[in-house]
C-alpha atoms as a PDB file:
ATOM      1  CA  UNK A   1      96.124 114.580 107.126  1.00  0.00           C
ATOM      2  CA  UNK A   2      95.541 111.052 105.660  1.00  0.00           C
ATOM      3  CA  UNK A   3      97.075 111.828 101.996  1.00  0.00           C
ATOM      4  CA  UNK A   4     100.586 112.485 104.093  1.00  0.00           C
ATOM      5  CA  UNK A   5     100.251 109.127 105.771  1.00  0.00           C
ATOM      6  CA  UNK A   6      99.267 106.971 103.168  1.00  0.00           C
ATOM      7  CA  UNK A   7     101.715 108.963 100.533  1.00  0.00           C
ATOM      8  CA  UNK A   8     104.485 110.303 102.292  1.00  0.00           C
ATOM      9  CA  UNK A   9     105.420 108.676 105.738  1.00  0.00           C
ATOM     10  CA  UNK A  10     107.815 106.270 105.973  1.00  0.00           C
ATOM     11  CA  UNK A  11     108.969 104.246 108.966  1.00  0.00           C
ATOM     12  CA  UNK A  12     111.028 107.020 110.277  1.00  0.00           C
ATOM     13  CA  UNK A  13     110.349 110.084 108.097  1.00  0.00           C
ATOM     14  CA  UNK A  14     108.547 111.964 105.376  1.00  0.00           C
ATOM     15  CA  UNK A  15     109.533 112.043 101.113  1.00  0.00           C
ATOM     16  CA  UNK A  16     110.164 114.786 100.589  1.00  0.00           C
ATOM     17  CA  UNK A  17     108.164 114.795  97.298  1.00  0.00           C
ATOM     18  CA  UNK A  18     104.977 112.749  96.058  1.00  0.00           C
ATOM     19  CA  UNK A  19     106.532 109.445  94.686  1.00  0.00           C
ATOM     20  CA  UNK A  20     104.278 109.900  91.699  1.00  0.00           C
ATOM     21  CA  UNK A  21     106.198 112.924  91.018  1.00  0.00           C
ATOM     22  CA  UNK A  22     108.552 112.234  87.489  1.00  0.00           C
ATOM     23  CA  UNK A  23     111.652 113.823  89.796  1.00  0.00           C
ATOM     24  CA  UNK A  24     111.185 111.654  92.456  1.00  0.00           C
ATOM     25  CA  UNK A  25     114.363 109.912  93.716  1.00  0.00           C
ATOM     26  CA  UNK A  26     113.856 108.473  96.741  1.00  0.00           C
ATOM     27  CA  UNK A  27     117.831 107.232  97.513  1.00  0.00           C
ATOM     28  CA  UNK A  28     120.074 109.872  98.376  1.00  0.00           C
ATOM     29  CA  UNK A  29     123.857 109.368  97.004  1.00  0.00           C
ATOM     30  CA  UNK A  30     125.462 112.494  96.840  1.00  0.00           C
ATOM     31  CA  UNK A  31     128.974 111.649  95.638  1.00  0.00           C
ATOM     32  CA  UNK A  32     127.545 109.487  92.713  1.00  0.00           C
ATOM     33  CA  UNK A  33     127.756 111.242  89.473  1.00  0.00           C
ATOM     34  CA  UNK A  34     125.100 109.552  87.138  1.00  0.00           C
ATOM     35  CA  UNK A  35     123.579 110.204  84.052  1.00  0.00           C
ATOM     36  CA  UNK A  36     120.187 110.736  85.666  1.00  0.00           C
ATOM     37  CA  UNK A  37     120.152 114.699  86.455  1.00  0.00           C
ATOM     38  CA  UNK A  38     117.510 114.253  88.970  1.00  0.00           C
ATOM     39  CA  UNK A  39     119.616 112.335  91.524  1.00  0.00           C
ATOM     40  CA  UNK A  40     123.205 112.751  90.369  1.00  0.00           C
ATOM     41  CA  UNK A  41     125.650 114.350  92.707  1.00  0.00           C
ATOM     42  CA  UNK A  42     122.812 114.684  95.363  1.00  0.00           C
ATOM     43  CA  UNK A  43     120.487 116.677  92.927  1.00  0.00           C
ATOM     44  CA  UNK A  44     117.785 115.000  94.804  1.00  0.00           C
ATOM     45  CA  UNK A  45     118.629 115.973  98.352  1.00  0.00           C
ATOM     46  CA  UNK A  46     114.816 117.335  98.670  1.00  0.00           C
ATOM     47  CA  UNK A  47     113.380 114.921  95.818  1.00  0.00           C
ATOM     48  CA  UNK A  48     112.530 111.854  97.886  1.00  0.00           C
ATOM     49  CA  UNK A  49     114.992 111.050 100.753  1.00  0.00           C
ATOM     50  CA  UNK A  50     112.825 110.725 104.214  1.00  0.00           C
ATOM     51  CA  UNK A  51     113.391 113.303 106.275  1.00  0.00           C
ATOM     52  CA  UNK A  52     112.844 112.561 110.187  1.00  0.00           C
ATOM     53  CA  UNK A  53     112.136 115.928 111.806  1.00  0.00           C
ATOM     54  CA  UNK A  54     109.129 116.655 109.803  1.00  0.00           C
ATOM     55  CA  UNK A  55     107.659 113.213 111.365  1.00  0.00           C
ATOM     56  CA  UNK A  56     107.202 115.686 114.491  1.00  0.00           C
ATOM     57  CA  UNK A  57     104.924 117.849 112.812  1.00  0.00           C
ATOM     58  CA  UNK A  58     102.868 115.054 111.550  1.00  0.00           C
ATOM     59  CA  UNK A  59     102.684 113.309 114.846  1.00  0.00           C
ATOM     60  CA  UNK A  60     101.567 116.611 116.492  1.00  0.00           C
ATOM     61  CA  UNK A  61      98.952 117.199 113.715  1.00  0.00           C
ATOM     62  CA  UNK A  62      97.639 113.749 114.547  1.00  0.00           C
ATOM     63  CA  UNK A  63      96.942 115.034 118.190  1.00  0.00           C
ATOM     64  CA  UNK A  64      95.963 118.132 117.120  1.00  0.00           C
ATOM     65  CA  UNK A  65      93.270 116.881 115.215  1.00  0.00           C
ATOM     66  CA  UNK A  66      92.522 113.987 117.031  1.00  0.00           C
ATOM     67  CA  UNK A  67      88.635 112.989 118.293  1.00  0.00           C
ATOM     68  CA  UNK A  68      89.641 110.537 120.578  1.00  0.00           C
ATOM     69  CA  UNK A  69      92.678 111.996 121.877  1.00  0.00           C
ATOM     70  CA  UNK A  70      93.759 109.018 124.579  1.00  0.00           C
ATOM     71  CA  UNK A  71      93.395 106.557 121.471  1.00  0.00           C
ATOM     72  CA  UNK A  72      95.675 108.868 119.208  1.00  0.00           C
ATOM     73  CA  UNK A  73      98.400 109.178 122.128  1.00  0.00           C
ATOM     74  CA  UNK A  74      98.830 105.797 122.355  1.00  0.00           C
ATOM     75  CA  UNK A  75      99.087 105.207 118.541  1.00  0.00           C
ATOM     76  CA  UNK A  76     101.733 107.997 118.562  1.00  0.00           C
ATOM     77  CA  UNK A  77     103.502 106.766 121.442  1.00  0.00           C
ATOM     78  CA  UNK A  78     103.353 103.110 119.789  1.00  0.00           C
ATOM     79  CA  UNK A  79     104.953 105.079 116.673  1.00  0.00           C
ATOM     80  CA  UNK A  80     107.387 106.656 118.503  1.00  0.00           C
ATOM     81  CA  UNK A  81     109.092 103.999 120.090  1.00  0.00           C
ATOM     82  CA  UNK A  82     110.789 103.151 116.654  1.00  0.00           C
ATOM     83  CA  UNK A  83     112.855 105.885 117.729  1.00  0.00           C
ATOM     84  CA  UNK A  84     113.923 104.955 121.125  1.00  0.00           C
ATOM     85  CA  UNK A  85     114.982 101.601 119.866  1.00  0.00           C
ATOM     86  CA  UNK A  86     116.878 103.381 116.699  1.00  0.00           C
ATOM     87  CA  UNK A  87     118.587 105.457 119.193  1.00  0.00           C
ATOM     88  CA  UNK A  88     119.628 102.507 121.411  1.00  0.00           C
ATOM     89  CA  UNK A  89     121.231 100.857 118.491  1.00  0.00           C
ATOM     90  CA  UNK A  90     122.870 104.023 117.515  1.00  0.00           C
ATOM     91  CA  UNK A  91     126.793 104.506 118.136  1.00  0.00           C
ATOM     92  CA  UNK A  92     125.879 108.146 118.662  1.00  0.00           C
ATOM     93  CA  UNK A  93     122.480 107.441 120.669  1.00  0.00           C
ATOM     94  CA  UNK A  94     120.893 109.715 118.399  1.00  0.00           C
ATOM     95  CA  UNK A  95     118.663 110.269 115.017  1.00  0.00           C
ATOM     96  CA  UNK A  96     119.886 110.962 111.440  1.00  0.00           C
ATOM     97  CA  UNK A  97     118.848 113.579 109.185  1.00  0.00           C
ATOM     98  CA  UNK A  98     117.039 111.568 106.724  1.00  0.00           C
ATOM     99  CA  UNK A  99     117.119 108.075 105.166  1.00  0.00           C
ATOM    100  CA  UNK A 100     116.302 106.787 102.099  1.00  0.00           C
ATOM    101  CA  UNK A 101     113.662 104.826 101.026  1.00  0.00           C
ATOM    102  CA  UNK A 102     111.438 102.880 103.407  1.00  0.00           C
ATOM    103  CA  UNK A 103     113.553 103.399 106.166  1.00  0.00           C
ATOM    104  CA  UNK A 104     117.088 102.699 104.851  1.00  0.00           C
ATOM    105  CA  UNK A 105     120.329 103.899 105.958  1.00  0.00           C
ATOM    106  CA  UNK A 106     121.778 107.028 104.159  1.00  0.00           C
ATOM    107  CA  UNK A 107     125.443 106.904 104.081  1.00  0.00           C
ATOM    108  CA  UNK A 108     125.203 110.671 103.151  1.00  0.00           C
ATOM    109  CA  UNK A 109     123.006 111.970 106.059  1.00  0.00           C
ATOM    110  CA  UNK A 110     124.111 113.228 109.215  1.00  0.00           C
ATOM    111  CA  UNK A 111     124.143 110.413 111.353  1.00  0.00           C
ATOM    112  CA  UNK A 112     122.705 112.273 115.023  1.00  0.00           C
ATOM    113  CA  UNK A 113     121.257 115.518 114.103  1.00  0.00           C
ATOM    114  CA  UNK A 114     119.973 118.140 116.904  1.00  0.00           C
ATOM    115  CA  UNK A 115     116.725 119.519 115.247  1.00  0.00           C
ATOM    116  CA  UNK A 116     115.493 115.731 114.422  1.00  0.00           C
ATOM    117  CA  UNK A 117     115.920 114.888 118.436  1.00  0.00           C
ATOM    118  CA  UNK A 118     114.582 118.404 119.481  1.00  0.00           C
ATOM    119  CA  UNK A 119     111.437 118.177 116.874  1.00  0.00           C
ATOM    120  CA  UNK A 120     110.744 114.844 118.486  1.00  0.00           C
ATOM    121  CA  UNK A 121     111.396 115.866 122.298  1.00  0.00           C
ATOM    122  CA  UNK A 122     108.442 118.251 120.945  1.00  0.00           C
ATOM    123  CA  UNK A 123     106.299 115.289 120.628  1.00  0.00           C
ATOM    124  CA  UNK A 124     107.160 113.681 123.799  1.00  0.00           C
ATOM    125  CA  UNK A 125     106.707 117.082 125.737  1.00  0.00           C
ATOM    126  CA  UNK A 126     103.004 117.062 124.179  1.00  0.00           C
ATOM    127  CA  UNK A 127     102.319 113.345 125.037  1.00  0.00           C
ATOM    128  CA  UNK A 128     102.781 114.307 128.577  1.00  0.00           C
END
């Protein structure tokens, strides 16, 4: 769990590949055709960008493995506030499919995705 948080977790999502991997490309730009095989034409869809829906499973795992459940619930609630703030700012009132490195905007991502919202709602349910 510590590895996932220290290496794979971003501010909103989970990297799809360890940054130490030689194929790690955290900026997803599907329309670019570059000389970099590992990112050209969207090849890196699963090689670095940060996906939001898997974060829900990481948060649920934290709750399931907590030695101090009350403290962990408060930590998860604090983390989840960033999603509430992002939803409030979104013209679609939702959360995207994925983001670029460090939670950066990804124009190639679906701007609001049902399973991102559904997975995070499961976290909310577990907090109650």
